[in-house]
C-alpha atoms as a PDB file:
ATOM      1  CA  UNK A   1      -6.512   5.841  38.968  1.00  0.00           C
ATOM      2  CA  UNK A   2      -7.732   8.768  41.839  1.00  0.00           C
ATOM      3  CA  UNK A   3     -10.647  11.086  41.353  1.00  0.00           C
ATOM      4  CA  UNK A   4     -10.496  14.826  41.427  1.00  0.00           C
ATOM      5  CA  UNK A   5     -10.328  15.904  44.747  1.00  0.00           C
ATOM      6  CA  UNK A   6     -10.590  12.352  46.092  1.00  0.00           C
ATOM      7  CA  UNK A   7      -7.874  12.940  48.597  1.00  0.00           C
ATOM      8  CA  UNK A   8      -9.102  16.231  50.238  1.00  0.00           C
ATOM      9  CA  UNK A   9     -12.908  14.425  50.044  1.00  0.00           C
ATOM     10  CA  UNK A  10     -11.258  11.506  52.264  1.00  0.00           C
ATOM     11  CA  UNK A  11      -9.962  14.073  55.162  1.00  0.00           C
ATOM     12  CA  UNK A  12     -13.407  15.460  55.069  1.00  0.00           C
ATOM     13  CA  UNK A  13     -15.086  12.460  54.776  1.00  0.00           C
ATOM     14  CA  UNK A  14     -12.895  11.167  58.076  1.00  0.00           C
ATOM     15  CA  UNK A  15     -13.304  14.616  59.883  1.00  0.00           C
ATOM     16  CA  UNK A  16      -9.621  16.082  59.323  1.00  0.00           C
ATOM     17  CA  UNK A  17     -11.326  18.983  57.270  1.00  0.00           C
ATOM     18  CA  UNK A  18     -14.419  20.809  57.657  1.00  0.00           C
ATOM     19  CA  UNK A  19     -16.233  21.727  53.911  1.00  0.00           C
ATOM     20  CA  UNK A  20     -14.813  25.412  53.830  1.00  0.00           C
ATOM     21  CA  UNK A  21     -10.995  24.141  54.242  1.00  0.00           C
ATOM     22  CA  UNK A  22     -11.768  21.325  51.884  1.00  0.00           C
ATOM     23  CA  UNK A  23     -12.937  24.135  49.556  1.00  0.00           C
ATOM     24  CA  UNK A  24      -9.879  26.312  49.984  1.00  0.00           C
ATOM     25  CA  UNK A  25      -7.746  23.551  48.912  1.00  0.00           C
ATOM     26  CA  UNK A  26      -9.550  24.119  45.483  1.00  0.00           C
ATOM     27  CA  UNK A  27      -9.000  27.806  45.800  1.00  0.00           C
ATOM     28  CA  UNK A  28      -5.138  28.154  46.924  1.00  0.00           C
ATOM     29  CA  UNK A  29      -4.653  25.584  43.921  1.00  0.00           C
ATOM     30  CA  UNK A  30      -6.556  28.061  41.619  1.00  0.00           C
ATOM     31  CA  UNK A  31      -5.230  30.920  42.990  1.00  0.00           C
ATOM     32  CA  UNK A  32      -3.872  33.980  40.852  1.00  0.00           C
ATOM     33  CA  UNK A  33      -2.659  36.751  42.781  1.00  0.00           C
ATOM     34  CA  UNK A  34      -0.789  37.138  46.353  1.00  0.00           C
ATOM     35  CA  UNK A  35      -4.364  38.525  47.769  1.00  0.00           C
ATOM     36  CA  UNK A  36      -6.401  35.530  46.203  1.00  0.00           C
ATOM     37  CA  UNK A  37      -3.893  32.839  47.640  1.00  0.00           C
ATOM     38  CA  UNK A  38      -3.903  34.524  51.684  1.00  0.00           C
ATOM     39  CA  UNK A  39      -7.742  34.511  51.599  1.00  0.00           C
ATOM     40  CA  UNK A  40      -7.258  30.663  50.826  1.00  0.00           C
ATOM     41  CA  UNK A  41      -4.759  30.246  53.401  1.00  0.00           C
ATOM     42  CA  UNK A  42      -6.515  32.123  55.795  1.00  0.00           C
ATOM     43  CA  UNK A  43      -9.855  29.852  54.694  1.00  0.00           C
ATOM     44  CA  UNK A  44      -7.600  26.652  55.331  1.00  0.00           C
ATOM     45  CA  UNK A  45      -6.705  27.489  58.556  1.00  0.00           C
ATOM     46  CA  UNK A  46      -9.549  28.200  59.958  1.00  0.00           C
ATOM     47  CA  UNK A  47     -10.509  31.146  59.647  1.00  0.00           C
ATOM     48  CA  UNK A  48     -14.148  30.901  58.499  1.00  0.00           C
ATOM     49  CA  UNK A  49     -14.658  27.708  60.443  1.00  0.00           C
ATOM     50  CA  UNK A  50     -13.982  29.514  63.633  1.00  0.00           C
ATOM     51  CA  UNK A  51     -16.254  32.568  63.001  1.00  0.00           C
ATOM     52  CA  UNK A  52     -19.314  29.964  62.282  1.00  0.00           C
ATOM     53  CA  UNK A  53     -18.439  27.658  65.068  1.00  0.00           C
ATOM     54  CA  UNK A  54     -18.551  30.418  67.168  1.00  0.00           C
ATOM     55  CA  UNK A  55     -21.783  32.044  66.072  1.00  0.00           C
ATOM     56  CA  UNK A  56     -23.386  28.312  66.258  1.00  0.00           C
ATOM     57  CA  UNK A  57     -22.478  28.237  69.910  1.00  0.00           C
ATOM     58  CA  UNK A  58     -24.235  31.178  70.619  1.00  0.00           C
ATOM     59  CA  UNK A  59     -27.046  30.333  68.986  1.00  0.00           C
ATOM     60  CA  UNK A  60     -27.322  26.789  70.399  1.00  0.00           C
ATOM     61  CA  UNK A  61     -26.833  27.901  73.867  1.00  0.00           C
ATOM     62  CA  UNK A  62     -30.049  30.056  73.723  1.00  0.00           C
ATOM     63  CA  UNK A  63     -31.805  27.608  71.459  1.00  0.00           C
ATOM     64  CA  UNK A  64     -31.384  24.744  74.188  1.00  0.00           C
ATOM     65  CA  UNK A  65     -33.049  26.849  76.423  1.00  0.00           C
ATOM     66  CA  UNK A  66     -36.029  27.935  74.296  1.00  0.00           C
ATOM     67  CA  UNK A  67     -36.448  23.879  73.851  1.00  0.00           C
ATOM     68  CA  UNK A  68     -36.187  23.481  77.682  1.00  0.00           C
ATOM     69  CA  UNK A  69     -39.103  25.647  78.130  1.00  0.00           C
ATOM     70  CA  UNK A  70     -41.112  23.617  75.137  1.00  0.00           C
ATOM     71  CA  UNK A  71     -40.862  20.803  77.627  1.00  0.00           C
ATOM     72  CA  UNK A  72     -42.195  22.645  80.879  1.00  0.00           C
ATOM     73  CA  UNK A  73     -45.004  24.441  78.339  1.00  0.00           C
ATOM     74  CA  UNK A  74     -48.108  24.059  80.973  1.00  0.00           C
ATOM     75  CA  UNK A  75     -46.197  25.396  83.712  1.00  0.00           C
ATOM     76  CA  UNK A  76     -45.701  28.685  81.377  1.00  0.00           C
ATOM     77  CA  UNK A  77     -42.111  29.349  82.501  1.00  0.00           C
ATOM     78  CA  UNK A  78     -39.792  31.350  80.117  1.00  0.00           C
ATOM     79  CA  UNK A  79     -35.814  29.999  81.094  1.00  0.00           C
ATOM     80  CA  UNK A  80     -34.550  32.332  78.139  1.00  0.00           C
ATOM     81  CA  UNK A  81     -34.770  36.209  79.093  1.00  0.00           C
ATOM     82  CA  UNK A  82     -36.392  37.650  75.798  1.00  0.00           C
ATOM     83  CA  UNK A  83     -34.455  40.762  76.130  1.00  0.00           C
ATOM     84  CA  UNK A  84     -31.104  38.523  75.946  1.00  0.00           C
ATOM     85  CA  UNK A  85     -32.582  36.175  73.720  1.00  0.00           C
ATOM     86  CA  UNK A  86     -33.402  39.590  71.348  1.00  0.00           C
ATOM     87  CA  UNK A  87     -29.734  40.984  72.206  1.00  0.00           C
ATOM     88  CA  UNK A  88     -27.976  37.835  71.250  1.00  0.00           C
ATOM     89  CA  UNK A  89     -30.113  37.303  67.946  1.00  0.00           C
ATOM     90  CA  UNK A  90     -29.326  40.820  67.058  1.00  0.00           C
ATOM     91  CA  UNK A  91     -25.951  40.587  66.972  1.00  0.00           C
ATOM     92  CA  UNK A  92     -25.678  37.618  65.141  1.00  0.00           C
ATOM     93  CA  UNK A  93     -27.754  38.545  62.834  1.00  0.00           C
ATOM     94  CA  UNK A  94     -25.574  42.074  61.912  1.00  0.00           C
ATOM     95  CA  UNK A  95     -22.594  39.818  61.750  1.00  0.00           C
ATOM     96  CA  UNK A  96     -24.150  36.936  59.464  1.00  0.00           C
ATOM     97  CA  UNK A  97     -25.290  39.967  57.666  1.00  0.00           C
ATOM     98  CA  UNK A  98     -21.516  41.486  57.339  1.00  0.00           C
ATOM     99  CA  UNK A  99     -20.150  37.922  56.813  1.00  0.00           C
ATOM    100  CA  UNK A 100     -22.905  38.138  53.742  1.00  0.00           C
ATOM    101  CA  UNK A 101     -21.626  41.540  52.682  1.00  0.00           C
ATOM    102  CA  UNK A 102     -18.152  40.714  52.268  1.00  0.00           C
ATOM    103  CA  UNK A 103     -18.497  38.437  49.226  1.00  0.00           C
ATOM    104  CA  UNK A 104     -18.531  41.243  46.973  1.00  0.00           C
ATOM    105  CA  UNK A 105     -15.031  42.154  48.220  1.00  0.00           C
ATOM    106  CA  UNK A 106     -13.713  38.713  48.231  1.00  0.00           C
ATOM    107  CA  UNK A 107     -15.224  37.428  45.315  1.00  0.00           C
ATOM    108  CA  UNK A 108     -13.401  40.298  43.531  1.00  0.00           C
ATOM    109  CA  UNK A 109     -10.177  39.529  44.766  1.00  0.00           C
ATOM    110  CA  UNK A 110     -10.169  35.626  44.330  1.00  0.00           C
ATOM    111  CA  UNK A 111     -11.606  36.460  40.680  1.00  0.00           C
ATOM    112  CA  UNK A 112     -10.124  39.591  39.647  1.00  0.00           C
ATOM    113  CA  UNK A 113     -11.435  43.002  40.830  1.00  0.00           C
ATOM    114  CA  UNK A 114     -13.562  44.573  37.450  1.00  0.00           C
ATOM    115  CA  UNK A 115     -12.456  47.502  36.297  1.00  0.00           C
ATOM    116  CA  UNK A 116     -14.849  49.100  33.523  1.00  0.00           C
ATOM    117  CA  UNK A 117     -13.076  51.860  31.375  1.00  0.00           C
ATOM    118  CA  UNK A 118     -16.029  54.357  30.726  1.00  0.00           C
ATOM    119  CA  UNK A 119     -16.195  57.675  28.212  1.00  0.00           C
ATOM    120  CA  UNK A 120     -17.105  59.212  25.251  1.00  0.00           C
ATOM    121  CA  UNK A 121     -16.264  57.697  21.921  1.00  0.00           C
ATOM    122  CA  UNK A 122     -12.644  58.352  20.691  1.00  0.00           C
ATOM    123  CA  UNK A 123     -10.979  59.297  24.058  1.00  0.00           C
ATOM    124  CA  UNK A 124      -8.674  56.455  24.532  1.00  0.00           C
ATOM    125  CA  UNK A 125     -10.464  53.945  26.253  1.00  0.00           C
ATOM    126  CA  UNK A 126      -9.415  50.917  24.119  1.00  0.00           C
ATOM    127  CA  UNK A 127      -5.381  52.638  23.958  1.00  0.00           C
ATOM    128  CA  UNK A 128      -5.647  52.895  27.846  1.00  0.00           C
ATOM    129  CA  UNK A 129      -6.722  49.063  28.056  1.00  0.00           C
ATOM    130  CA  UNK A 130      -3.998  47.948  25.622  1.00  0.00           C
ATOM    131  CA  UNK A 131      -1.417  49.902  27.906  1.00  0.00           C
ATOM    132  CA  UNK A 132      -2.685  48.579  31.240  1.00  0.00           C
ATOM    133  CA  UNK A 133      -2.227  44.856  30.034  1.00  0.00           C
ATOM    134  CA  UNK A 134       0.593  45.656  27.720  1.00  0.00           C
ATOM    135  CA  UNK A 135      -0.824  44.220  24.729  1.00  0.00           C
ATOM    136  CA  UNK A 136      -2.944  45.221  21.807  1.00  0.00           C
ATOM    137  CA  UNK A 137      -5.853  43.622  22.936  1.00  0.00           C
ATOM    138  CA  UNK A 138      -8.283  46.145  21.580  1.00  0.00           C
ATOM    139  CA  UNK A 139      -8.378  47.380  18.012  1.00  0.00           C
ATOM    140  CA  UNK A 140      -7.391  51.400  18.145  1.00  0.00           C
ATOM    141  CA  UNK A 141      -9.384  53.623  15.291  1.00  0.00           C
ATOM    142  CA  UNK A 142      -9.854  57.263  14.994  1.00  0.00           C
ATOM    143  CA  UNK A 143     -13.142  55.994  13.418  1.00  0.00           C
ATOM    144  CA  UNK A 144     -15.890  56.507  16.373  1.00  0.00           C
ATOM    145  CA  UNK A 145     -17.576  53.711  17.267  1.00  0.00           C
ATOM    146  CA  UNK A 146     -15.197  50.782  16.851  1.00  0.00           C
ATOM    147  CA  UNK A 147     -15.811  49.095  20.176  1.00  0.00           C
ATOM    148  CA  UNK A 148     -19.035  48.163  20.060  1.00  0.00           C
ATOM    149  CA  UNK A 149     -18.877  45.067  22.279  1.00  0.00           C
ATOM    150  CA  UNK A 150     -17.033  44.442  25.646  1.00  0.00           C
ATOM    151  CA  UNK A 151     -13.325  43.886  25.731  1.00  0.00           C
ATOM    152  CA  UNK A 152     -11.928  42.081  28.841  1.00  0.00           C
ATOM    153  CA  UNK A 153      -8.851  40.858  29.875  1.00  0.00           C
ATOM    154  CA  UNK A 154      -6.996  40.041  33.163  1.00  0.00           C
ATOM    155  CA  UNK A 155      -3.700  41.424  35.057  1.00  0.00           C
ATOM    156  CA  UNK A 156      -2.012  41.012  38.369  1.00  0.00           C
ATOM    157  CA  UNK A 157      -0.272  44.004  39.568  1.00  0.00           C
ATOM    158  CA  UNK A 158       1.540  43.846  42.766  1.00  0.00           C
ATOM    159  CA  UNK A 159      -0.223  40.761  44.093  1.00  0.00           C
ATOM    160  CA  UNK A 160      -3.877  41.981  42.971  1.00  0.00           C
ATOM    161  CA  UNK A 161      -5.480  40.596  40.143  1.00  0.00           C
ATOM    162  CA  UNK A 162      -7.585  43.462  38.074  1.00  0.00           C
ATOM    163  CA  UNK A 163     -10.366  42.890  35.553  1.00  0.00           C
ATOM    164  CA  UNK A 164      -9.994  45.379  33.305  1.00  0.00           C
ATOM    165  CA  UNK A 165     -13.061  45.826  30.618  1.00  0.00           C
ATOM    166  CA  UNK A 166     -12.768  48.190  27.863  1.00  0.00           C
ATOM    167  CA  UNK A 167     -16.542  49.383  26.702  1.00  0.00           C
ATOM    168  CA  UNK A 168     -18.056  51.217  23.875  1.00  0.00           C
ATOM    169  CA  UNK A 169     -17.773  54.899  23.655  1.00  0.00           C
ATOM    170  CA  UNK A 170     -20.875  56.694  25.536  1.00  0.00           C
ATOM    171  CA  UNK A 171     -22.854  59.100  22.860  1.00  0.00           C
ATOM    172  CA  UNK A 172     -26.281  59.192  21.290  1.00  0.00           C
ATOM    173  CA  UNK A 173     -26.287  56.888  18.370  1.00  0.00           C
ATOM    174  CA  UNK A 174     -29.002  55.852  15.935  1.00  0.00           C
ATOM    175  CA  UNK A 175     -26.729  52.825  14.693  1.00  0.00           C
ATOM    176  CA  UNK A 176     -28.767  49.662  16.445  1.00  0.00           C
ATOM    177  CA  UNK A 177     -25.812  47.645  16.957  1.00  0.00           C
ATOM    178  CA  UNK A 178     -23.492  50.650  18.291  1.00  0.00           C
ATOM    179  CA  UNK A 179     -26.473  51.092  20.674  1.00  0.00           C
ATOM    180  CA  UNK A 180     -26.780  47.426  22.166  1.00  0.00           C
ATOM    181  CA  UNK A 181     -22.665  48.237  22.518  1.00  0.00           C
ATOM    182  CA  UNK A 182     -23.446  51.320  25.100  1.00  0.00           C
ATOM    183  CA  UNK A 183     -26.557  49.486  26.609  1.00  0.00           C
ATOM    184  CA  UNK A 184     -23.763  46.709  27.910  1.00  0.00           C
ATOM    185  CA  UNK A 185     -21.453  50.057  28.717  1.00  0.00           C
ATOM    186  CA  UNK A 186     -24.124  51.060  31.011  1.00  0.00           C
ATOM    187  CA  UNK A 187     -24.738  47.847  32.165  1.00  0.00           C
ATOM    188  CA  UNK A 188     -21.085  47.012  32.920  1.00  0.00           C
ATOM    189  CA  UNK A 189     -20.570  50.404  35.005  1.00  0.00           C
ATOM    190  CA  UNK A 190     -23.088  49.185  37.298  1.00  0.00           C
ATOM    191  CA  UNK A 191     -21.303  46.054  38.248  1.00  0.00           C
ATOM    192  CA  UNK A 192     -17.543  47.609  38.092  1.00  0.00           C
ATOM    193  CA  UNK A 193     -15.909  48.143  41.577  1.00  0.00           C
ATOM    194  CA  UNK A 194     -13.721  50.499  39.744  1.00  0.00           C
ATOM    195  CA  UNK A 195     -14.617  53.178  37.248  1.00  0.00           C
ATOM    196  CA  UNK A 196     -12.141  54.889  34.921  1.00  0.00           C
ATOM    197  CA  UNK A 197     -14.124  57.755  33.572  1.00  0.00           C
ATOM    198  CA  UNK A 198     -11.884  58.714  30.851  1.00  0.00           C
ATOM    199  CA  UNK A 199     -11.748  62.058  28.780  1.00  0.00           C
ATOM    200  CA  UNK A 200      -9.558  64.114  26.990  1.00  0.00           C
ATOM    201  CA  UNK A 201      -9.117  67.801  26.962  1.00  0.00           C
ATOM    202  CA  UNK A 202     -12.598  69.764  25.751  1.00  0.00           C
ATOM    203  CA  UNK A 203     -14.288  66.487  25.955  1.00  0.00           C
ATOM    204  CA  UNK A 204     -16.657  66.735  28.501  1.00  0.00           C
ATOM    205  CA  UNK A 205     -17.467  63.419  30.776  1.00  0.00           C
ATOM    206  CA  UNK A 206     -20.335  61.240  30.762  1.00  0.00           C
ATOM    207  CA  UNK A 207     -22.888  61.878  32.748  1.00  0.00           C
ATOM    208  CA  UNK A 208     -23.409  58.636  34.920  1.00  0.00           C
ATOM    209  CA  UNK A 209     -24.922  58.134  38.281  1.00  0.00           C
ATOM    210  CA  UNK A 210     -22.664  55.468  40.283  1.00  0.00           C
ATOM    211  CA  UNK A 211     -23.146  53.765  43.417  1.00  0.00           C
ATOM    212  CA  UNK A 212     -21.476  55.058  46.499  1.00  0.00           C
ATOM    213  CA  UNK A 213     -19.383  51.871  46.750  1.00  0.00           C
ATOM    214  CA  UNK A 214     -18.094  52.135  43.876  1.00  0.00           C
ATOM    215  CA  UNK A 215     -14.905  54.009  43.374  1.00  0.00           C
ATOM    216  CA  UNK A 216     -14.398  56.309  40.256  1.00  0.00           C
ATOM    217  CA  UNK A 217     -11.152  57.442  39.360  1.00  0.00           C
ATOM    218  CA  UNK A 218     -11.683  60.657  36.758  1.00  0.00           C
ATOM    219  CA  UNK A 219      -8.861  60.791  34.590  1.00  0.00           C
ATOM    220  CA  UNK A 220      -8.159  63.314  31.565  1.00  0.00           C
ATOM    221  CA  UNK A 221      -6.162  61.550  28.454  1.00  0.00           C
ATOM    222  CA  UNK A 222      -3.943  62.787  25.652  1.00  0.00           C
ATOM    223  CA  UNK A 223      -2.052  64.779  27.967  1.00  0.00           C
ATOM    224  CA  UNK A 224       1.486  65.542  26.527  1.00  0.00           C
ATOM    225  CA  UNK A 225       4.286  65.914  28.856  1.00  0.00           C
ATOM    226  CA  UNK A 226       4.407  69.538  28.480  1.00  0.00           C
ATOM    227  CA  UNK A 227       0.635  70.322  28.834  1.00  0.00           C
ATOM    228  CA  UNK A 228       0.630  68.556  32.088  1.00  0.00           C
ATOM    229  CA  UNK A 229      -0.397  71.860  35.029  1.00  0.00           C
ATOM    230  CA  UNK A 230      -2.672  74.744  35.383  1.00  0.00           C
ATOM    231  CA  UNK A 231      -3.637  75.033  31.533  1.00  0.00           C
ATOM    232  CA  UNK A 232      -5.070  71.408  31.386  1.00  0.00           C
ATOM    233  CA  UNK A 233      -6.779  71.577  34.760  1.00  0.00           C
ATOM    234  CA  UNK A 234      -8.633  74.580  34.085  1.00  0.00           C
ATOM    235  CA  UNK A 235     -10.088  72.454  31.325  1.00  0.00           C
ATOM    236  CA  UNK A 236     -11.623  69.841  34.085  1.00  0.00           C
ATOM    237  CA  UNK A 237     -13.859  70.335  36.749  1.00  0.00           C
ATOM    238  CA  UNK A 238     -12.990  67.674  38.649  1.00  0.00           C
ATOM    239  CA  UNK A 239     -10.343  66.403  40.306  1.00  0.00           C
ATOM    240  CA  UNK A 240      -8.878  64.303  37.893  1.00  0.00           C
ATOM    241  CA  UNK A 241      -5.330  62.079  36.815  1.00  0.00           C
ATOM    242  CA  UNK A 242      -3.471  63.143  33.491  1.00  0.00           C
ATOM    243  CA  UNK A 243      -2.134  61.095  31.567  1.00  0.00           C
ATOM    244  CA  UNK A 244      -1.640  60.245  27.739  1.00  0.00           C
ATOM    245  CA  UNK A 245      -1.924  56.398  27.095  1.00  0.00           C
ATOM    246  CA  UNK A 246      -0.243  56.749  23.997  1.00  0.00           C
ATOM    247  CA  UNK A 247       2.566  58.102  25.129  1.00  0.00           C
ATOM    248  CA  UNK A 248       2.703  56.075  28.560  1.00  0.00           C
ATOM    249  CA  UNK A 249       2.341  59.253  30.722  1.00  0.00           C
ATOM    250  CA  UNK A 250       1.069  59.025  34.078  1.00  0.00           C
ATOM    251  CA  UNK A 251       0.112  55.338  33.943  1.00  0.00           C
ATOM    252  CA  UNK A 252       2.230  54.135  36.854  1.00  0.00           C
ATOM    253  CA  UNK A 253       0.063  56.998  39.094  1.00  0.00           C
ATOM    254  CA  UNK A 254      -3.235  55.390  37.514  1.00  0.00           C
ATOM    255  CA  UNK A 255      -1.994  52.095  38.581  1.00  0.00           C
ATOM    256  CA  UNK A 256      -1.055  53.159  42.336  1.00  0.00           C
ATOM    257  CA  UNK A 257      -4.651  53.956  42.563  1.00  0.00           C
ATOM    258  CA  UNK A 258      -5.875  50.954  41.172  1.00  0.00           C
ATOM    259  CA  UNK A 259      -4.035  49.505  44.137  1.00  0.00           C
ATOM    260  CA  UNK A 260      -4.867  51.906  47.021  1.00  0.00           C
ATOM    261  CA  UNK A 261      -8.113  51.030  46.115  1.00  0.00           C
ATOM    262  CA  UNK A 262      -7.319  46.686  45.874  1.00  0.00           C
ATOM    263  CA  UNK A 263      -5.766  47.199  49.442  1.00  0.00           C
ATOM    264  CA  UNK A 264      -8.927  48.612  50.792  1.00  0.00           C
ATOM    265  CA  UNK A 265     -10.387  45.578  49.741  1.00  0.00           C
ATOM    266  CA  UNK A 266      -7.584  43.528  51.124  1.00  0.00           C
ATOM    267  CA  UNK A 267      -7.655  45.867  54.342  1.00  0.00           C
ATOM    268  CA  UNK A 268      -8.657  43.501  57.381  1.00  0.00           C
ATOM    269  CA  UNK A 269      -6.749  40.492  56.494  1.00  0.00           C
ATOM    270  CA  UNK A 270      -3.688  40.717  58.252  1.00  0.00           C
ATOM    271  CA  UNK A 271      -6.422  41.133  61.313  1.00  0.00           C
ATOM    272  CA  UNK A 272      -7.702  38.083  60.203  1.00  0.00           C
ATOM    273  CA  UNK A 273     -10.856  39.481  59.292  1.00  0.00           C
ATOM    274  CA  UNK A 274     -13.491  36.779  57.311  1.00  0.00           C
ATOM    275  CA  UNK A 275     -13.918  37.490  53.901  1.00  0.00           C
ATOM    276  CA  UNK A 276     -16.483  35.240  52.250  1.00  0.00           C
ATOM    277  CA  UNK A 277     -15.541  34.572  48.608  1.00  0.00           C
ATOM    278  CA  UNK A 278     -17.488  31.437  47.608  1.00  0.00           C
ATOM    279  CA  UNK A 279     -21.078  31.946  46.215  1.00  0.00           C
ATOM    280  CA  UNK A 280     -22.217  28.721  48.134  1.00  0.00           C
ATOM    281  CA  UNK A 281     -21.597  30.316  51.538  1.00  0.00           C
ATOM    282  CA  UNK A 282     -23.247  33.247  50.314  1.00  0.00           C
ATOM    283  CA  UNK A 283     -26.191  31.613  49.736  1.00  0.00           C
ATOM    284  CA  UNK A 284     -26.202  29.990  52.976  1.00  0.00           C
ATOM    285  CA  UNK A 285     -25.300  33.155  54.738  1.00  0.00           C
ATOM    286  CA  UNK A 286     -28.459  35.162  53.310  1.00  0.00           C
ATOM    287  CA  UNK A 287     -30.731  32.033  54.218  1.00  0.00           C
ATOM    288  CA  UNK A 288     -29.639  32.236  57.504  1.00  0.00           C
ATOM    289  CA  UNK A 289     -30.017  35.737  58.128  1.00  0.00           C
ATOM    290  CA  UNK A 290     -33.693  35.434  56.561  1.00  0.00           C
ATOM    291  CA  UNK A 291     -34.117  33.113  59.295  1.00  0.00           C
ATOM    292  CA  UNK A 292     -32.801  35.340  61.978  1.00  0.00           C
ATOM    293  CA  UNK A 293     -35.023  37.912  60.250  1.00  0.00           C
ATOM    294  CA  UNK A 294     -38.362  36.207  61.413  1.00  0.00           C
ATOM    295  CA  UNK A 295     -36.893  34.954  64.711  1.00  0.00           C
ATOM    296  CA  UNK A 296     -36.203  38.897  65.727  1.00  0.00           C
ATOM    297  CA  UNK A 297     -40.259  39.743  64.556  1.00  0.00           C
ATOM    298  CA  UNK A 298     -40.900  37.177  66.844  1.00  0.00           C
ATOM    299  CA  UNK A 299     -39.209  37.991  69.610  1.00  0.00           C
ATOM    300  CA  UNK A 300     -40.639  41.565  69.539  1.00  0.00           C
ATOM    301  CA  UNK A 301     -43.899  40.425  68.755  1.00  0.00           C
ATOM    302  CA  UNK A 302     -43.937  38.216  71.904  1.00  0.00           C
ATOM    303  CA  UNK A 303     -44.598  34.987  69.969  1.00  0.00           C
ATOM    304  CA  UNK A 304     -44.539  31.677  71.556  1.00  0.00           C
ATOM    305  CA  UNK A 305     -41.264  30.132  72.323  1.00  0.00           C
ATOM    306  CA  UNK A 306     -41.396  27.204  69.788  1.00  0.00           C
ATOM    307  CA  UNK A 307     -42.050  29.804  66.683  1.00  0.00           C
ATOM    308  CA  UNK A 308     -38.569  31.350  67.917  1.00  0.00           C
ATOM    309  CA  UNK A 309     -36.992  27.833  67.953  1.00  0.00           C
ATOM    310  CA  UNK A 310     -37.858  26.426  65.139  1.00  0.00           C
ATOM    311  CA  UNK A 311     -36.283  29.901  63.222  1.00  0.00           C
ATOM    312  CA  UNK A 312     -33.333  29.423  65.336  1.00  0.00           C
ATOM    313  CA  UNK A 313     -32.868  25.513  64.175  1.00  0.00           C
ATOM    314  CA  UNK A 314     -33.418  26.632  60.677  1.00  0.00           C
ATOM    315  CA  UNK A 315     -30.590  29.026  60.966  1.00  0.00           C
ATOM    316  CA  UNK A 316     -27.979  26.630  62.621  1.00  0.00           C
ATOM    317  CA  UNK A 317     -29.177  24.366  59.788  1.00  0.00           C
ATOM    318  CA  UNK A 318     -27.843  26.616  57.412  1.00  0.00           C
ATOM    319  CA  UNK A 319     -24.972  27.361  59.170  1.00  0.00           C
ATOM    320  CA  UNK A 320     -23.946  24.003  59.847  1.00  0.00           C
ATOM    321  CA  UNK A 321     -24.589  23.174  55.755  1.00  0.00           C
ATOM    322  CA  UNK A 322     -21.425  26.078  55.157  1.00  0.00           C
ATOM    323  CA  UNK A 323     -19.464  23.582  57.644  1.00  0.00           C
ATOM    324  CA  UNK A 324     -20.313  20.299  55.948  1.00  0.00           C
ATOM    325  CA  UNK A 325     -21.429  19.313  59.212  1.00  0.00           C
ATOM    326  CA  UNK A 326     -25.245  18.548  57.636  1.00  0.00           C
ATOM    327  CA  UNK A 327     -24.637  17.654  54.485  1.00  0.00           C
ATOM    328  CA  UNK A 328     -26.938  14.906  53.437  1.00  0.00           C
ATOM    329  CA  UNK A 329     -27.222  15.022  49.423  1.00  0.00           C
ATOM    330  CA  UNK A 330     -23.985  13.330  47.679  1.00  0.00           C
ATOM    331  CA  UNK A 331     -24.899  15.508  44.935  1.00  0.00           C
ATOM    332  CA  UNK A 332     -23.262  18.414  46.609  1.00  0.00           C
ATOM    333  CA  UNK A 333     -20.423  17.092  47.545  1.00  0.00           C
ATOM    334  CA  UNK A 334     -19.949  15.804  43.771  1.00  0.00           C
ATOM    335  CA  UNK A 335     -20.220  19.142  42.567  1.00  0.00           C
ATOM    336  CA  UNK A 336     -17.880  20.617  45.043  1.00  0.00           C
ATOM    337  CA  UNK A 337     -15.099  18.309  44.463  1.00  0.00           C
ATOM    338  CA  UNK A 338     -15.723  17.960  40.929  1.00  0.00           C
ATOM    339  CA  UNK A 339     -13.422  20.842  39.972  1.00  0.00           C
ATOM    340  CA  UNK A 340     -10.224  19.591  41.657  1.00  0.00           C
ATOM    341  CA  UNK A 341      -7.106  18.673  40.472  1.00  0.00           C
ATOM    342  CA  UNK A 342      -6.962  14.617  39.776  1.00  0.00           C
ATOM    343  CA  UNK A 343      -6.250  13.152  43.670  1.00  0.00           C
ATOM    344  CA  UNK A 344      -5.600  16.259  45.252  1.00  0.00           C
END
């Protein structure tokens, strides 16, 4: 019987696919949204391969000149212009950092954009989660502090996969278990890409600090249809959405705000912008970035060509690892293909 991923692995070993394209086959099978499907398709078409090959070729050219200098070290000549070398290395470094930073967006599209619902107790967080999921996922009660642990589920809206997380209400409490739940809520808020900060009339928003990369959507819940207007707006000091999770008022507008942010993550894919969604790729890119940082320091400090060349060789090696052109460990391949479907 065929092993998991055997056919794709054969294609890789025979040179028909590089490793990023082989991994994209698995991502395509596992994709749960249109956006994740498109990322996998782009990767199978070679957008990551082409970008990394372009960067490798640029580095190879300049590394070859540095290697040539080593052969003529006694003559003390420079074949690689240091200013040009610095410009090329810096540009490559910036591009590698950009690719690495795209992992946050790529991973979110692949596994679900994390959305944390944050607010004080009893403002309707669990009701909103149930409304968004169209399911009674969370227990709803008038008793404060009902939700003490994180409740999480995913749903696809218009081709984008969202991972919603209901959290414990933020308040001062002496209950040890509830306090642990609040601490988890605050930790989750730091990791989420979208925050739905929820309140109700006459209840202030929790005073929290958010990262500038996070999208915060201020929402006032428990607003009946006949109350939406200036009277409600005066009770809120932030531009906010007015909804009633219980009566399904304003939910479509909230979903549209979520989609707007999802599309901003997705933006650029139609222009073949490369998004990294694989942790193996990100780790290798981070190593390559460190190599180029050292190379730049060596160039700026007028260090010898062999020191610069060594860091550039290490960078080339890490980029090659992503493509699979320098895979020497069978364990790595086994780990990559073990999660494939049988055969495939």
